[in-house]
């Protein structure tokens, strides 16, 4: 499938699937309190906002769709960068809480960022291999 000079490639699909799967896995866990995935975390928590807002998973899932759409490479790279920036901002906010990152970060954080990284190098122009 080729649109706008891009074709759908398996690794872009794999990267987007990893981002989507990462939203379902735990992003944060606390002893005795359980865990929370991206659907349990409000976007506002990235910006110290106490107000309720959209689940963090929603923009990440939109970006995952953008990763597989046959858009110009800049759009794919921009979407992947936005995913990585979101994960980075989340880790920064958790770290600001003065906790041990290794003990509280869940596997969803790593899988989400890894999915974005997997998708980027596989952006190809139609007709090139």
Foldseek 3Di string as FASTA:
>chain_A
DADPQWDFDPLLLQLLVLLLVLQVWFFWQDVPPGTHGQQRDALCLLVPDPDHHHRSNVLSNVLSVQLRDNDPLVSLLVSLVVQLVSLVSVLVSVVVVVDDSVRIGTPSSVSNNVSSVSSNVPTDGPPDD
